[in-house]
N, C-alpha and C. Protein backbone atom coordinates (compact mmCIF):
# COMPACT_ATOMS: atom_id res chain seq x y z
N MET A 1 -4.17 19.23 14.88
CA MET A 1 -3.70 20.51 14.33
C MET A 1 -2.21 20.66 14.55
N LEU A 2 -1.69 20.37 15.70
CA LEU A 2 -0.28 20.53 16.02
C LEU A 2 0.54 19.58 15.13
N ILE A 3 -0.03 18.41 14.85
CA ILE A 3 0.68 17.37 14.02
C ILE A 3 0.92 17.95 12.62
N TRP A 4 -0.15 18.56 12.07
CA TRP A 4 -0.04 19.08 10.68
C TRP A 4 0.94 20.24 10.66
N ILE A 5 0.94 21.10 11.66
CA ILE A 5 1.89 22.23 11.75
C ILE A 5 3.32 21.70 11.83
N ALA A 6 3.52 20.67 12.67
CA ALA A 6 4.83 20.10 12.83
C ALA A 6 5.34 19.47 11.51
N LEU A 7 4.40 18.78 10.77
CA LEU A 7 4.76 18.23 9.48
C LEU A 7 5.13 19.30 8.46
N LEU A 8 4.37 20.39 8.51
CA LEU A 8 4.67 21.50 7.57
C LEU A 8 6.03 22.11 7.85
N VAL A 9 6.33 22.32 9.12
CA VAL A 9 7.64 22.92 9.55
C VAL A 9 8.73 21.95 9.13
N LEU A 10 8.53 20.65 9.43
CA LEU A 10 9.60 19.67 9.08
C LEU A 10 9.75 19.59 7.62
N ALA A 11 8.68 19.65 6.85
CA ALA A 11 8.79 19.63 5.40
C ALA A 11 9.58 20.86 4.88
N LEU A 12 9.24 22.04 5.49
CA LEU A 12 9.95 23.26 5.04
C LEU A 12 11.44 23.18 5.33
N VAL A 13 11.73 22.66 6.57
CA VAL A 13 13.15 22.53 6.91
C VAL A 13 13.92 21.55 5.99
N LEU A 14 13.29 20.42 5.79
CA LEU A 14 13.94 19.41 4.93
C LEU A 14 14.07 19.94 3.53
N PHE A 15 13.04 20.68 3.07
CA PHE A 15 13.16 21.26 1.69
C PHE A 15 14.18 22.30 1.61
N GLY A 16 14.31 23.16 2.63
CA GLY A 16 15.36 24.16 2.68
C GLY A 16 16.75 23.57 2.68
N VAL A 17 16.95 22.61 3.59
CA VAL A 17 18.28 22.01 3.61
C VAL A 17 18.61 21.24 2.35
N GLY A 18 17.64 20.48 1.87
CA GLY A 18 17.85 19.71 0.72
C GLY A 18 18.04 20.57 -0.57
N PHE A 19 17.33 21.73 -0.59
CA PHE A 19 17.40 22.56 -1.71
C PHE A 19 18.75 23.25 -1.83
N PHE A 20 19.33 23.61 -0.66
CA PHE A 20 20.61 24.33 -0.68
C PHE A 20 21.80 23.30 -0.75
N THR A 21 21.57 22.06 -0.35
CA THR A 21 22.64 21.06 -0.32
C THR A 21 22.58 20.20 -1.54
N MET A 22 21.41 19.50 -1.71
CA MET A 22 21.32 18.56 -2.86
C MET A 22 20.02 18.77 -3.63
N PRO A 23 19.96 19.79 -4.45
CA PRO A 23 18.73 20.04 -5.26
C PRO A 23 18.40 18.94 -6.24
N ILE A 24 19.46 18.23 -6.66
CA ILE A 24 19.30 17.11 -7.59
C ILE A 24 18.37 16.03 -7.03
N VAL A 25 18.51 15.74 -5.73
CA VAL A 25 17.75 14.78 -5.06
C VAL A 25 16.22 15.15 -5.13
N TRP A 26 15.94 16.50 -4.92
CA TRP A 26 14.56 16.93 -4.92
C TRP A 26 14.00 16.89 -6.32
N ILE A 27 14.82 17.23 -7.28
CA ILE A 27 14.38 17.19 -8.73
C ILE A 27 14.04 15.70 -9.08
N ALA A 28 14.96 14.78 -8.68
CA ALA A 28 14.69 13.38 -8.92
C ALA A 28 13.43 12.89 -8.23
N ALA A 29 13.26 13.31 -7.03
CA ALA A 29 12.08 12.96 -6.27
C ALA A 29 10.81 13.47 -6.94
N ALA A 30 10.85 14.69 -7.43
CA ALA A 30 9.67 15.25 -8.10
C ALA A 30 9.36 14.51 -9.33
N VAL A 31 10.46 14.06 -10.11
CA VAL A 31 10.20 13.31 -11.32
C VAL A 31 9.63 11.92 -11.00
N LEU A 32 10.16 11.33 -9.96
CA LEU A 32 9.66 10.01 -9.59
C LEU A 32 8.22 10.05 -9.12
N LEU A 33 7.87 11.16 -8.41
CA LEU A 33 6.43 11.32 -7.95
C LEU A 33 5.56 11.55 -9.18
N ALA A 34 6.07 12.34 -10.15
CA ALA A 34 5.24 12.58 -11.35
C ALA A 34 4.99 11.32 -12.13
N VAL A 35 6.08 10.55 -12.26
CA VAL A 35 5.94 9.31 -13.04
C VAL A 35 5.02 8.26 -12.31
N ALA A 36 5.13 8.24 -10.95
CA ALA A 36 4.30 7.40 -10.18
C ALA A 36 2.81 7.77 -10.26
N VAL A 37 2.59 9.05 -10.26
CA VAL A 37 1.18 9.57 -10.28
C VAL A 37 0.60 9.37 -11.66
N PHE A 38 1.34 9.84 -12.69
CA PHE A 38 0.75 9.79 -14.05
C PHE A 38 0.88 8.40 -14.63
N GLY A 39 2.03 7.76 -14.55
CA GLY A 39 2.27 6.45 -15.18
C GLY A 39 1.77 5.29 -14.28
N GLY A 40 2.36 5.15 -13.06
CA GLY A 40 2.06 4.01 -12.25
C GLY A 40 0.63 4.01 -11.73
N GLY A 41 0.10 5.21 -11.48
CA GLY A 41 -1.24 5.32 -10.93
C GLY A 41 -2.30 4.70 -11.82
N ARG A 42 -2.19 4.97 -13.13
CA ARG A 42 -3.22 4.42 -14.03
C ARG A 42 -3.08 2.89 -14.16
N SER A 43 -1.90 2.35 -14.32
CA SER A 43 -1.73 0.96 -14.53
C SER A 43 -2.08 0.15 -13.23
N ARG A 44 -1.67 0.68 -12.09
CA ARG A 44 -1.95 -0.03 -10.87
C ARG A 44 -3.44 -0.01 -10.54
N ARG A 45 -4.10 1.11 -10.78
CA ARG A 45 -5.50 1.16 -10.50
C ARG A 45 -6.32 0.27 -11.39
N SER A 46 -5.94 0.21 -12.68
CA SER A 46 -6.60 -0.62 -13.66
C SER A 46 -6.43 -2.14 -13.42
N SER A 47 -5.22 -2.49 -12.96
CA SER A 47 -4.90 -3.89 -12.80
C SER A 47 -5.37 -4.45 -11.43
N ARG A 48 -4.99 -3.78 -10.38
CA ARG A 48 -5.34 -4.30 -9.04
C ARG A 48 -6.66 -3.82 -8.60
N ARG A 49 -6.86 -2.56 -8.52
CA ARG A 49 -8.24 -2.00 -8.09
C ARG A 49 -8.91 -1.32 -9.24
């Protein structure tokens, strides 16, 4: 339980700092995650597993 709370707090802190300092990095990360989930997820699952 404490681990999940710590991860949530850390994520909020990193998101807050990153959002006010370098929002472009978070936008790029979101795009990469979207591409990895929608694009890479299908090809990797079909080819390897």
